[in-house]
C-alpha atoms as a PDB file:
ATOM      1  CA  MET A   1       0.112   0.202   0.233  1.00  0.00           C
ATOM      2  CA  ASN A   2       1.286   3.525  -0.588  1.00  0.00           C
ATOM      3  CA  GLY A   3      -0.155   5.151   2.007  1.00  0.00           C
ATOM      4  CA  GLN A   4      -2.850   7.423  -0.132  1.00  0.00           C
ATOM      5  CA  ALA A   5      -6.135   7.675   0.915  1.00  0.00           C
ATOM      6  CA  LEU A   6      -9.083   6.468  -1.131  1.00  0.00           C
ATOM      7  CA  GLY A   7     -12.018   8.828  -2.116  1.00  0.00           C
ATOM      8  CA  ARG A   8     -15.462   7.721  -1.590  1.00  0.00           C
ATOM      9  CA  LEU A   9     -17.882   7.836  -4.601  1.00  0.00           C
ATOM     10  CA  GLU A  10     -21.083  10.358  -3.565  1.00  0.00           C
ATOM     11  CA  ARG A  11     -24.259   9.935  -5.933  1.00  0.00           C
ATOM     12  CA  VAL A  12     -25.295  13.470  -6.761  1.00  0.00           C
ATOM     13  CA  ASP A  13     -29.310  14.732  -7.200  1.00  0.00           C
ATOM     14  CA  LEU A  14     -29.622  14.940 -11.197  1.00  0.00           C
ATOM     15  CA  ARG A  15     -31.078  18.469 -10.800  1.00  0.00           C
ATOM     16  CA  LYS A  16     -28.177  19.946  -9.225  1.00  0.00           C
ATOM     17  CA  PHE A  17     -26.720  19.799 -12.674  1.00  0.00           C
ATOM     18  CA  TRP A  18     -29.460  19.512 -15.144  1.00  0.00           C
ATOM     19  CA  GLU A  19     -32.439  21.828 -13.856  1.00  0.00           C
ATOM     20  CA  ASP A  20     -34.662  21.669 -16.745  1.00  0.00           C
ATOM     21  CA  GLU A  21     -34.774  18.333 -19.155  1.00  0.00           C
ATOM     22  CA  ALA A  22     -35.903  20.027 -22.644  1.00  0.00           C
ATOM     23  CA  GLY A  23     -33.717  23.225 -22.198  1.00  0.00           C
ATOM     24  CA  GLU A  24     -30.591  21.578 -20.060  1.00  0.00           C
ATOM     25  CA  PHE A  25     -30.778  17.961 -20.576  1.00  0.00           C
ATOM     26  CA  THR A  26     -31.496  17.118 -23.920  1.00  0.00           C
ATOM     27  CA  PRO A  27     -28.936  19.939 -25.287  1.00  0.00           C
ATOM     28  CA  TRP A  28     -26.030  18.343 -23.272  1.00  0.00           C
ATOM     29  CA  LEU A  29     -27.165  14.970 -24.390  1.00  0.00           C
ATOM     30  CA  ALA A  30     -27.141  15.991 -27.931  1.00  0.00           C
ATOM     31  CA  GLN A  31     -23.328  16.726 -27.824  1.00  0.00           C
ATOM     32  CA  GLU A  32     -21.118  14.643 -29.616  1.00  0.00           C
ATOM     33  CA  ASP A  33     -18.856  13.505 -26.738  1.00  0.00           C
ATOM     34  CA  ASN A  34     -22.174  12.993 -24.330  1.00  0.00           C
ATOM     35  CA  MET A  35     -23.802  10.976 -27.013  1.00  0.00           C
ATOM     36  CA  ALA A  36     -20.839   8.566 -27.306  1.00  0.00           C
ATOM     37  CA  LEU A  37     -21.313   8.184 -23.517  1.00  0.00           C
ATOM     38  CA  LEU A  38     -24.893   6.270 -24.465  1.00  0.00           C
ATOM     39  CA  CYS A  39     -23.815   4.631 -27.336  1.00  0.00           C
ATOM     40  CA  ASP A  40     -21.154   3.060 -25.559  1.00  0.00           C
ATOM     41  CA  THR A  41     -23.966   1.674 -23.134  1.00  0.00           C
ATOM     42  CA  ILE A  42     -26.331   0.530 -25.681  1.00  0.00           C
ATOM     43  CA  GLY A  43     -23.759  -0.976 -28.026  1.00  0.00           C
ATOM     44  CA  MET A  44     -24.934   1.320 -31.090  1.00  0.00           C
ATOM     45  CA  GLU A  45     -23.394   4.429 -33.103  1.00  0.00           C
ATOM     46  CA  LEU A  46     -25.491   7.144 -33.635  1.00  0.00           C
ATOM     47  CA  GLU A  47     -25.687  10.612 -35.433  1.00  0.00           C
ATOM     48  CA  VAL A  48     -28.033  13.095 -34.099  1.00  0.00           C
ATOM     49  CA  GLU A  49     -30.615  14.147 -36.418  1.00  0.00           C
ATOM     50  CA  ALA A  50     -32.900  16.552 -34.529  1.00  0.00           C
ATOM     51  CA  GLN A  51     -33.907  17.811 -30.903  1.00  0.00           C
ATOM     52  CA  GLU A  52     -37.257  18.416 -30.066  1.00  0.00           C
ATOM     53  CA  LYS A  53     -38.620  17.197 -33.192  1.00  0.00           C
ATOM     54  CA  ASN A  54     -42.420  17.493 -33.856  1.00  0.00           C
ATOM     55  CA  VAL A  55     -44.840  14.561 -33.753  1.00  0.00           C
ATOM     56  CA  GLY A  56     -48.022  16.072 -34.174  1.00  0.00           C
ATOM     57  CA  PRO A  57     -49.009  17.844 -31.430  1.00  0.00           C
ATOM     58  CA  PHE A  58     -46.096  16.811 -29.372  1.00  0.00           C
ATOM     59  CA  ARG A  59     -42.376  17.213 -29.449  1.00  0.00           C
ATOM     60  CA  ALA A  60     -39.622  13.990 -29.263  1.00  0.00           C
ATOM     61  CA  ASP A  61     -36.685  14.869 -27.451  1.00  0.00           C
ATOM     62  CA  ILE A  62     -34.013  13.560 -29.722  1.00  0.00           C
ATOM     63  CA  LEU A  63     -33.661  11.898 -33.163  1.00  0.00           C
ATOM     64  CA  CYS A  64     -30.725  10.315 -34.430  1.00  0.00           C
ATOM     65  CA  ARG A  65     -29.710   7.618 -37.204  1.00  0.00           C
ATOM     66  CA  ASP A  66     -27.952   4.496 -36.633  1.00  0.00           C
ATOM     67  CA  THR A  67     -25.267   4.852 -38.509  1.00  0.00           C
ATOM     68  CA  THR A  68     -24.727   1.000 -39.091  1.00  0.00           C
ATOM     69  CA  THR A  69     -27.977   0.659 -40.572  1.00  0.00           C
ATOM     70  CA  SER A  70     -29.553   4.177 -41.037  1.00  0.00           C
ATOM     71  CA  ASN A  71     -32.660   3.176 -39.215  1.00  0.00           C
ATOM     72  CA  TRP A  72     -34.214   5.979 -37.059  1.00  0.00           C
ATOM     73  CA  VAL A  73     -33.703   6.038 -32.921  1.00  0.00           C
ATOM     74  CA  LEU A  74     -35.593   7.920 -31.038  1.00  0.00           C
ATOM     75  CA  ILE A  75     -34.332   9.063 -27.325  1.00  0.00           C
ATOM     76  CA  GLU A  76     -36.755  10.419 -24.946  1.00  0.00           C
ATOM     77  CA  ASN A  77     -35.584  11.578 -21.676  1.00  0.00           C
ATOM     78  CA  GLN A  78     -37.245  12.122 -18.157  1.00  0.00           C
ATOM     79  CA  LEU A  79     -34.885  13.226 -14.970  1.00  0.00           C
ATOM     80  CA  GLU A  80     -37.699  11.535 -12.733  1.00  0.00           C
ATOM     81  CA  ARG A  81     -39.205   8.528 -12.242  1.00  0.00           C
ATOM     82  CA  THR A  82     -40.828   6.848 -14.963  1.00  0.00           C
ATOM     83  CA  ASP A  83     -44.242   7.481 -15.618  1.00  0.00           C
ATOM     84  CA  HIS A  84     -47.577   6.317 -17.995  1.00  0.00           C
ATOM     85  CA  THR A  85     -47.461   9.610 -19.495  1.00  0.00           C
ATOM     86  CA  HIS A  86     -44.147   9.380 -20.972  1.00  0.00           C
ATOM     87  CA  LEU A  87     -44.422   5.047 -21.950  1.00  0.00           C
ATOM     88  CA  GLY A  88     -47.536   6.645 -23.832  1.00  0.00           C
ATOM     89  CA  GLN A  89     -45.603   9.696 -25.631  1.00  0.00           C
ATOM     90  CA  LEU A  90     -42.721   6.908 -26.671  1.00  0.00           C
ATOM     91  CA  LEU A  91     -45.118   4.734 -28.987  1.00  0.00           C
ATOM     92  CA  THR A  92     -47.058   7.877 -30.044  1.00  0.00           C
ATOM     93  CA  TYR A  93     -43.432   9.275 -31.420  1.00  0.00           C
ATOM     94  CA  ALA A  94     -42.384   5.661 -32.550  1.00  0.00           C
ATOM     95  CA  ALA A  95     -45.595   5.259 -34.692  1.00  0.00           C
ATOM     96  CA  GLY A  96     -45.055   9.060 -36.006  1.00  0.00           C
ATOM     97  CA  LEU A  97     -41.553   8.959 -36.872  1.00  0.00           C
ATOM     98  CA  ASP A  98     -40.965   5.104 -38.024  1.00  0.00           C
ATOM     99  CA  ALA A  99     -38.497   4.502 -35.433  1.00  0.00           C
ATOM    100  CA  VAL A 100     -37.350   1.105 -34.801  1.00  0.00           C
ATOM    101  CA  THR A 101     -35.015   2.024 -31.718  1.00  0.00           C
ATOM    102  CA  ILE A 102     -36.385   3.611 -28.423  1.00  0.00           C
ATOM    103  CA  VAL A 103     -34.384   4.727 -25.563  1.00  0.00           C
ATOM    104  CA  TRP A 104     -36.315   6.135 -23.000  1.00  0.00           C
ATOM    105  CA  ILE A 105     -33.705   7.266 -20.178  1.00  0.00           C
ATOM    106  CA  ALA A 106     -35.107   8.357 -16.798  1.00  0.00           C
ATOM    107  CA  ALA A 107     -33.876   8.793 -13.692  1.00  0.00           C
ATOM    108  CA  LYS A 108     -35.355   5.283 -11.855  1.00  0.00           C
ATOM    109  CA  PHE A 109     -37.348   2.731 -13.799  1.00  0.00           C
ATOM    110  CA  THR A 110     -40.798   1.642 -11.862  1.00  0.00           C
ATOM    111  CA  ASP A 111     -40.906  -1.927 -11.992  1.00  0.00           C
ATOM    112  CA  GLU A 112     -44.074  -1.939 -13.919  1.00  0.00           C
ATOM    113  CA  HIS A 113     -42.013   0.278 -16.808  1.00  0.00           C
ATOM    114  CA  ARG A 114     -39.357  -1.958 -16.902  1.00  0.00           C
ATOM    115  CA  ALA A 115     -41.899  -5.020 -17.209  1.00  0.00           C
ATOM    116  CA  ALA A 116     -43.683  -3.130 -19.841  1.00  0.00           C
ATOM    117  CA  ILE A 117     -40.115  -2.652 -21.922  1.00  0.00           C
ATOM    118  CA  ASP A 118     -39.245  -6.028 -21.721  1.00  0.00           C
ATOM    119  CA  TRP A 119     -42.768  -7.029 -22.994  1.00  0.00           C
ATOM    120  CA  LEU A 120     -42.260  -4.755 -26.033  1.00  0.00           C
ATOM    121  CA  ASN A 121     -39.078  -6.459 -26.777  1.00  0.00           C
ATOM    122  CA  LYS A 122     -40.655 -10.020 -26.564  1.00  0.00           C
ATOM    123  CA  ILE A 123     -43.555  -9.325 -28.780  1.00  0.00           C
ATOM    124  CA  THR A 124     -41.806  -7.504 -31.406  1.00  0.00           C
ATOM    125  CA  ASP A 125     -39.707  -8.737 -33.750  1.00  0.00           C
ATOM    126  CA  GLU A 126     -35.581  -8.427 -34.386  1.00  0.00           C
ATOM    127  CA  ARG A 127     -36.295  -5.211 -36.344  1.00  0.00           C
ATOM    128  CA  PHE A 128     -37.742  -3.083 -33.259  1.00  0.00           C
ATOM    129  CA  ASN A 129     -35.217  -2.512 -30.148  1.00  0.00           C
ATOM    130  CA  PHE A 130     -36.519  -1.004 -26.660  1.00  0.00           C
ATOM    131  CA  PHE A 131     -33.852   0.182 -24.378  1.00  0.00           C
ATOM    132  CA  GLY A 132     -34.428   1.628 -20.723  1.00  0.00           C
ATOM    133  CA  LEU A 133     -31.504   3.352 -19.054  1.00  0.00           C
ATOM    134  CA  GLU A 134     -31.147   4.777 -15.897  1.00  0.00           C
ATOM    135  CA  VAL A 135     -28.795   8.141 -15.843  1.00  0.00           C
ATOM    136  CA  GLU A 136     -26.933   8.771 -12.713  1.00  0.00           C
ATOM    137  CA  LEU A 137     -24.128  11.385 -11.512  1.00  0.00           C
ATOM    138  CA  TRP A 138     -21.489  10.592  -9.209  1.00  0.00           C
ATOM    139  CA  ARG A 139     -18.472  12.371  -8.345  1.00  0.00           C
ATOM    140  CA  ILE A 140     -15.391  12.059  -5.408  1.00  0.00           C
ATOM    141  CA  GLY A 141     -15.119  15.205  -3.141  1.00  0.00           C
ATOM    142  CA  GLY A 142     -14.982  18.224  -4.723  1.00  0.00           C
ATOM    143  CA  SER A 143     -14.456  16.537  -8.242  1.00  0.00           C
ATOM    144  CA  PRO A 144     -16.582  17.239 -11.512  1.00  0.00           C
ATOM    145  CA  MET A 145     -19.827  15.479 -11.515  1.00  0.00           C
ATOM    146  CA  ALA A 146     -19.339  12.274 -14.044  1.00  0.00           C
ATOM    147  CA  PRO A 147     -22.539  11.240 -15.504  1.00  0.00           C
ATOM    148  CA  LYS A 148     -23.538   7.536 -16.238  1.00  0.00           C
ATOM    149  CA  PHE A 149     -25.778   5.256 -17.896  1.00  0.00           C
ATOM    150  CA  ASN A 150     -27.085   2.004 -16.973  1.00  0.00           C
ATOM    151  CA  ALA A 151     -28.819  -0.155 -19.123  1.00  0.00           C
ATOM    152  CA  VAL A 152     -31.636  -1.937 -17.138  1.00  0.00           C
ATOM    153  CA  CYS A 153     -33.779  -2.935 -20.198  1.00  0.00           C
ATOM    154  CA  LYS A 154     -32.601  -3.972 -23.234  1.00  0.00           C
ATOM    155  CA  PRO A 155     -33.654  -5.931 -26.503  1.00  0.00           C
ATOM    156  CA  ASN A 156     -33.659  -9.905 -26.171  1.00  0.00           C
ATOM    157  CA  ASN A 157     -31.319 -10.365 -29.077  1.00  0.00           C
ATOM    158  CA  TRP A 158     -28.485  -8.328 -27.445  1.00  0.00           C
ATOM    159  CA  SER A 159     -27.321 -11.414 -25.639  1.00  0.00           C
ATOM    160  CA  LYS A 160     -24.512 -13.352 -27.609  1.00  0.00           C
ATOM    161  CA  THR A 161     -25.985 -16.849 -27.328  1.00  0.00           C
ATOM    162  CA  VAL A 162     -27.403 -18.379 -30.486  1.00  0.00           C
ATOM    163  CA  ALA A 163     -29.664 -20.953 -30.300  1.00  0.00           C
ATOM    164  CA  PRO A 164     -31.537 -22.669 -33.255  1.00  0.00           C
ATOM    165  CA  GLN A 165     -34.593 -20.675 -34.661  1.00  0.00           C
ATOM    166  CA  PRO A 166     -37.754 -21.711 -36.227  1.00  0.00           C
ATOM    167  CA  GLY A 167     -38.045 -21.336 -39.732  1.00  0.00           C
ATOM    168  CA  LEU A 168     -34.429 -20.936 -40.879  1.00  0.00           C
ATOM    169  CA  THR A 169     -32.975 -23.146 -42.930  1.00  0.00           C
ATOM    170  CA  PRO A 170     -29.335 -24.855 -42.334  1.00  0.00           C
ATOM    171  CA  GLY A 171     -27.789 -22.211 -44.504  1.00  0.00           C
ATOM    172  CA  THR A 172     -29.288 -19.379 -42.597  1.00  0.00           C
ATOM    173  CA  GLN A 173     -28.837 -20.662 -39.446  1.00  0.00           C
ATOM    174  CA  LEU A 174     -24.717 -21.092 -40.485  1.00  0.00           C
ATOM    175  CA  GLN A 175     -25.150 -17.605 -41.358  1.00  0.00           C
ATOM    176  CA  LEU A 176     -26.390 -16.605 -37.739  1.00  0.00           C
ATOM    177  CA  GLU A 177     -23.838 -18.561 -36.053  1.00  0.00           C
ATOM    178  CA  TYR A 178     -20.682 -17.509 -38.283  1.00  0.00           C
ATOM    179  CA  TRP A 179     -21.747 -13.717 -37.555  1.00  0.00           C
ATOM    180  CA  SER A 180     -22.451 -14.292 -33.688  1.00  0.00           C
ATOM    181  CA  ALA A 181     -18.944 -16.020 -33.929  1.00  0.00           C
ATOM    182  CA  LEU A 182     -17.696 -13.181 -35.521  1.00  0.00           C
ATOM    183  CA  ARG A 183     -19.231 -10.175 -32.828  1.00  0.00           C
ATOM    184  CA  ASP A 184     -17.449 -12.770 -30.009  1.00  0.00           C
ATOM    185  CA  PHE A 185     -14.096 -12.841 -31.584  1.00  0.00           C
ATOM    186  CA  ILE A 186     -14.209  -8.974 -32.064  1.00  0.00           C
ATOM    187  CA  SER A 187     -15.687  -8.430 -28.395  1.00  0.00           C
ATOM    188  CA  GLN A 188     -12.570 -10.150 -27.401  1.00  0.00           C
ATOM    189  CA  ARG A 189     -10.351  -7.467 -28.637  1.00  0.00           C
ATOM    190  CA  LYS A 190     -10.058  -3.767 -28.009  1.00  0.00           C
ATOM    191  CA  SER A 191     -11.706  -2.767 -31.031  1.00  0.00           C
ATOM    192  CA  VAL A 192     -13.568   0.390 -32.569  1.00  0.00           C
ATOM    193  CA  LEU A 193     -15.402  -2.253 -34.851  1.00  0.00           C
ATOM    194  CA  LYS A 194     -19.349  -1.674 -33.491  1.00  0.00           C
ATOM    195  CA  SER A 195     -21.476  -4.382 -35.095  1.00  0.00           C
ATOM    196  CA  GLN A 196     -25.424  -4.648 -35.715  1.00  0.00           C
ATOM    197  CA  SER A 197     -27.032  -7.656 -34.160  1.00  0.00           C
ATOM    198  CA  PRO A 198     -26.184 -10.846 -35.967  1.00  0.00           C
ATOM    199  CA  LEU A 199     -29.046 -12.005 -38.468  1.00  0.00           C
ATOM    200  CA  PRO A 200     -29.173 -14.957 -40.580  1.00  0.00           C
ATOM    201  CA  GLN A 201     -28.020 -13.621 -44.145  1.00  0.00           C
ATOM    202  CA  GLY A 202     -24.955 -13.395 -45.605  1.00  0.00           C
ATOM    203  CA  TRP A 203     -23.941  -9.878 -44.363  1.00  0.00           C
ATOM    204  CA  THR A 204     -23.360  -7.789 -41.247  1.00  0.00           C
ATOM    205  CA  ASN A 205     -22.678  -4.044 -40.821  1.00  0.00           C
ATOM    206  CA  PHE A 206     -20.278  -2.136 -38.562  1.00  0.00           C
ATOM    207  CA  ALA A 207     -20.986   1.366 -37.918  1.00  0.00           C
ATOM    208  CA  LEU A 208     -18.496   4.482 -39.406  1.00  0.00           C
ATOM    209  CA  GLY A 209     -19.770   7.346 -37.742  1.00  0.00           C
ATOM    210  CA  ARG A 210     -22.086   8.973 -40.315  1.00  0.00           C
ATOM    211  CA  ALA A 211     -25.359   7.938 -41.847  1.00  0.00           C
ATOM    212  CA  ASP A 212     -25.258   6.746 -45.236  1.00  0.00           C
ATOM    213  CA  PHE A 213     -21.817   4.807 -44.478  1.00  0.00           C
ATOM    214  CA  ALA A 214     -20.942   1.626 -43.487  1.00  0.00           C
ATOM    215  CA  LEU A 215     -18.360  -1.107 -43.374  1.00  0.00           C
ATOM    216  CA  VAL A 216     -19.615  -4.266 -44.237  1.00  0.00           C
ATOM    217  CA  ALA A 217     -18.612  -8.285 -44.169  1.00  0.00           C
ATOM    218  CA  THR A 218     -19.899 -10.826 -46.774  1.00  0.00           C
ATOM    219  CA  VAL A 219     -19.670 -14.398 -46.521  1.00  0.00           C
ATOM    220  CA  ASN A 220     -20.656 -16.271 -49.857  1.00  0.00           C
ATOM    221  CA  THR A 221     -20.759 -20.133 -49.363  1.00  0.00           C
ATOM    222  CA  ARG A 222     -21.074 -20.872 -53.105  1.00  0.00           C
ATOM    223  CA  ASN A 223     -17.711 -19.325 -54.119  1.00  0.00           C
ATOM    224  CA  ASN A 224     -15.913 -19.654 -50.984  1.00  0.00           C
ATOM    225  CA  ARG A 225     -15.318 -15.575 -50.450  1.00  0.00           C
ATOM    226  CA  LEU A 226     -15.261 -13.127 -47.820  1.00  0.00           C
ATOM    227  CA  THR A 227     -15.420  -9.560 -48.555  1.00  0.00           C
ATOM    228  CA  ALA A 228     -14.934  -6.388 -46.422  1.00  0.00           C
ATOM    229  CA  TYR A 229     -15.735  -2.956 -47.952  1.00  0.00           C
ATOM    230  CA  LEU A 230     -17.112   0.521 -47.044  1.00  0.00           C
ATOM    231  CA  VAL A 231     -20.420   1.531 -48.601  1.00  0.00           C
ATOM    232  CA  MET A 232     -22.154   4.584 -49.536  1.00  0.00           C
ATOM    233  CA  TYR A 233     -25.835   5.148 -49.765  1.00  0.00           C
ATOM    234  CA  GLY A 234     -27.861   8.283 -50.167  1.00  0.00           C
ATOM    235  CA  MET A 235     -28.379  10.853 -52.582  1.00  0.00           C
ATOM    236  CA  ASP A 236     -24.982  12.399 -52.797  1.00  0.00           C
ATOM    237  CA  ARG A 237     -23.170   8.731 -52.871  1.00  0.00           C
ATOM    238  CA  ILE A 238     -21.912   9.467 -56.475  1.00  0.00           C
ATOM    239  CA  ALA A 239     -20.223  12.731 -55.400  1.00  0.00           C
ATOM    240  CA  HIS A 240     -19.032  11.185 -52.097  1.00  0.00           C
ATOM    241  CA  TYR A 241     -17.606   7.968 -54.315  1.00  0.00           C
ATOM    242  CA  ARG A 242     -15.692  10.235 -56.952  1.00  0.00           C
ATOM    243  CA  LEU A 243     -14.260  12.891 -53.768  1.00  0.00           C
ATOM    244  CA  LEU A 244     -12.635   9.474 -51.944  1.00  0.00           C
ATOM    245  CA  PHE A 245     -11.654   7.857 -55.575  1.00  0.00           C
ATOM    246  CA  ASN A 246      -9.759  11.147 -56.509  1.00  0.00           C
ATOM    247  CA  ASP A 247      -7.679  10.093 -53.202  1.00  0.00           C
ATOM    248  CA  ARG A 248      -7.071   6.774 -54.487  1.00  0.00           C
ATOM    249  CA  GLU A 249      -3.746   6.502 -54.542  1.00  0.00           C
ATOM    250  CA  SER A 250      -3.029   7.765 -50.333  1.00  0.00           C
ATOM    251  CA  ILE A 251      -5.925   5.693 -49.575  1.00  0.00           C
ATOM    252  CA  GLU A 252      -4.352   2.544 -50.947  1.00  0.00           C
ATOM    253  CA  LYS A 253      -0.926   3.605 -49.846  1.00  0.00           C
ATOM    254  CA  GLU A 254      -2.404   4.148 -46.046  1.00  0.00           C
ATOM    255  CA  PHE A 255      -4.732   0.629 -46.353  1.00  0.00           C
ATOM    256  CA  GLY A 256      -1.182  -1.231 -47.404  1.00  0.00           C
ATOM    257  CA  GLU A 257      -2.775  -2.859 -50.607  1.00  0.00           C
ATOM    258  CA  PRO A 258      -4.712  -2.220 -53.728  1.00  0.00           C
ATOM    259  CA  LEU A 259      -8.961  -1.870 -52.932  1.00  0.00           C
ATOM    260  CA  GLU A 260     -11.540  -2.853 -55.576  1.00  0.00           C
ATOM    261  CA  TRP A 261     -13.490   0.498 -56.412  1.00  0.00           C
ATOM    262  CA  ARG A 262     -16.962   0.035 -57.582  1.00  0.00           C
ATOM    263  CA  GLU A 263     -18.906   2.970 -58.498  1.00  0.00           C
ATOM    264  CA  LEU A 264     -22.359   1.302 -59.575  1.00  0.00           C
ATOM    265  CA  LEU A 265     -24.143   3.781 -61.390  1.00  0.00           C
ATOM    266  CA  ASP A 266     -26.970   1.653 -62.066  1.00  0.00           C
ATOM    267  CA  LYS A 267     -27.311   0.571 -58.515  1.00  0.00           C
ATOM    268  CA  LYS A 268     -28.428   2.255 -54.878  1.00  0.00           C
ATOM    269  CA  GLU A 269     -24.854   1.794 -53.179  1.00  0.00           C
ATOM    270  CA  SER A 270     -21.286   2.224 -54.076  1.00  0.00           C
ATOM    271  CA  GLN A 271     -18.472   0.461 -52.883  1.00  0.00           C
ATOM    272  CA  ILE A 272     -14.780   0.021 -51.732  1.00  0.00           C
ATOM    273  CA  LYS A 273     -13.949  -3.528 -51.229  1.00  0.00           C
ATOM    274  CA  ILE A 274     -11.140  -6.196 -50.301  1.00  0.00           C
ATOM    275  CA  ALA A 275     -11.707  -9.797 -51.207  1.00  0.00           C
ATOM    276  CA  LEU A 276     -10.127 -13.142 -49.827  1.00  0.00           C
ATOM    277  CA  GLU A 277     -10.900 -16.194 -52.074  1.00  0.00           C
ATOM    278  CA  ASN A 278     -10.604 -19.713 -51.101  1.00  0.00           C
ATOM    279  CA  ALA A 279     -12.212 -19.584 -47.644  1.00  0.00           C
ATOM    280  CA  ASN A 280     -15.106 -21.594 -47.035  1.00  0.00           C
ATOM    281  CA  PRO A 281     -17.795 -20.295 -44.533  1.00  0.00           C
ATOM    282  CA  GLN A 282     -18.867 -23.771 -43.968  1.00  0.00           C
ATOM    283  CA  ASN A 283     -15.839 -25.097 -42.249  1.00  0.00           C
ATOM    284  CA  LYS A 284     -15.844 -24.032 -38.521  1.00  0.00           C
ATOM    285  CA  GLN A 285     -12.748 -25.109 -37.778  1.00  0.00           C
ATOM    286  CA  ASP A 286     -11.353 -22.540 -40.230  1.00  0.00           C
ATOM    287  CA  TRP A 287     -13.728 -19.509 -38.545  1.00  0.00           C
ATOM    288  CA  PRO A 288     -10.794 -18.261 -36.343  1.00  0.00           C
ATOM    289  CA  ASN A 289      -8.773 -17.607 -39.245  1.00  0.00           C
ATOM    290  CA  GLN A 290     -11.498 -16.145 -41.322  1.00  0.00           C
ATOM    291  CA  HIS A 291     -12.633 -13.910 -38.312  1.00  0.00           C
ATOM    292  CA  GLU A 292      -8.975 -12.690 -38.134  1.00  0.00           C
ATOM    293  CA  TRP A 293      -8.643 -11.663 -41.764  1.00  0.00           C
ATOM    294  CA  LEU A 294     -12.173  -9.988 -41.739  1.00  0.00           C
ATOM    295  CA  PHE A 295     -11.172  -8.181 -38.144  1.00  0.00           C
ATOM    296  CA  ASN A 296      -7.924  -7.081 -39.616  1.00  0.00           C
ATOM    297  CA  LYS A 297      -9.525  -5.524 -42.899  1.00  0.00           C
ATOM    298  CA  LEU A 298     -12.477  -4.154 -41.263  1.00  0.00           C
ATOM    299  CA  GLU A 299     -10.313  -2.497 -38.643  1.00  0.00           C
ATOM    300  CA  LYS A 300      -8.237  -1.014 -41.566  1.00  0.00           C
ATOM    301  CA  LEU A 301     -11.047   0.402 -43.525  1.00  0.00           C
ATOM    302  CA  HIS A 302     -12.409   1.870 -40.461  1.00  0.00           C
ATOM    303  CA  MET A 303      -8.686   3.213 -39.662  1.00  0.00           C
ATOM    304  CA  VAL A 304      -8.590   4.817 -43.295  1.00  0.00           C
ATOM    305  CA  PHE A 305     -11.976   5.608 -44.087  1.00  0.00           C
ATOM    306  CA  SER A 306     -13.654   7.214 -40.733  1.00  0.00           C
ATOM    307  CA  GLY A 307     -11.845  10.377 -40.481  1.00  0.00           C
ATOM    308  CA  ARG A 308     -12.492  10.959 -44.235  1.00  0.00           C
ATOM    309  CA  VAL A 309     -15.972   9.946 -44.460  1.00  0.00           C
ATOM    310  CA  LYS A 310     -17.057  12.428 -41.782  1.00  0.00           C
ATOM    311  CA  LYS A 311     -15.315  15.446 -43.881  1.00  0.00           C
ATOM    312  CA  LEU A 312     -16.783  14.636 -47.086  1.00  0.00           C
ATOM    313  CA  ASP A 313     -18.919  17.457 -48.474  1.00  0.00           C
ATOM    314  CA  ALA A 314     -20.824  16.700 -51.560  1.00  0.00           C
ATOM    315  CA  SER A 315     -20.784  20.339 -53.000  1.00  0.00           C
ATOM    316  CA  GLU A 316     -17.071  20.108 -53.335  1.00  0.00           C
ATOM    317  CA  TYR A 317     -17.283  17.794 -56.304  1.00  0.00           C
ATOM    318  CA  ASP A 318     -17.977  20.229 -59.331  1.00  0.00           C
ATOM    319  CA  ASP A 319     -19.518  17.853 -62.165  1.00  0.00           C
ATOM    320  CA  GLY A 320     -21.726  19.122 -64.460  1.00  0.00           C
ATOM    321  CA  SER A 321     -23.552  15.728 -64.739  1.00  0.00           C
ATOM    322  CA  LEU A 322     -24.087  15.378 -60.976  1.00  0.00           C
ATOM    323  CA  THR A 323     -27.483  17.271 -60.040  1.00  0.00           C
END
C-alpha cells in the first residue's frame, strides 16, 4: 500500500446539474462526446438528426440515425421516475417517426415500466429494439460530476448466445452462427468496430460514424469468398464516391494494398472493397482464421475511412453531370 487515502463515490441529485429536461439535459446529451457515452452503453453508434422533433402536437426529445443501418432511433428523456405519460408518448412518437429503436432515459425505472419495456422487446421482432436507461451523476469529493448510464432493459437479441431459430434453413442458421462468432471474436479485442445484431443473412454491418456510410462483411458459401468493404448510400453517394476516388492513391497507400473500387451507377450503393478467395464459411474449424482476416481488414478500413467520410462534403465535387 502506498499510504494514499482513497476517495468515496458520492451520488449527486440530477437536478443539481440539469434543472430542466428540455432546456438543459437534452442539449447536453445531443453533444457528440455525451452521445458517445450513451452509444457505449447500448452498443450502437448514433448520429443526431434533430432535437425537439415535432410529432403532431408533441415534441420528441432527440431523433438519431443508427449509422450502421441508417434506421431511426428515438430518445426520450425524463429526469424523474418513469411514468405512464412518457411511456405513451414514446409509442406515439415511434409510430409517427417510424423509429425502430427506442431509448427511454429516466432517473429511475419502476418495476411496471421495466416490465413494459421487456414485454415490448418480447412481442416485437428483431427489427425493433427498446432500451431503458437510468442516468446517474457521481463525484469524488470536490471533483467534477461524472454521468453514468445503466441499461436496465434491453432487447432480447442483445445477448451473444445463439440458439437454433424456428423457420431457418441450415444455410441461414449457419450465417447466424457465423456472425455471432465474429461478434464474439471482435468483442474479445479492444476494437473500434461496432456491429449490428447478428442476423441470418450473408452480410453484417459495422458503424463508421456517419449516416449513409457503413462497413460491411460478407460470406459467400457458393464461391468460398469473404469480403470487407466500405459502402455508401444516399442521394450524394456518387459525389462522395468520386471525392474518395480522387484520393485513391493516398488511400491505398495508407491501407497497405490495392482496393477494388465499384461506383455502381445503376445500383443504390457504391463500394470500396477487398476480398479473400478460397475461404469456406462452412468449415467451422477455419472460422478463427476467417474472422481474423475480417477483423484485420475491417479495422484497417475503419482507420483509413472513418475520418475521411466525416469530412466529405458533396458540394465540393464539381461535376455538371451530377444533379
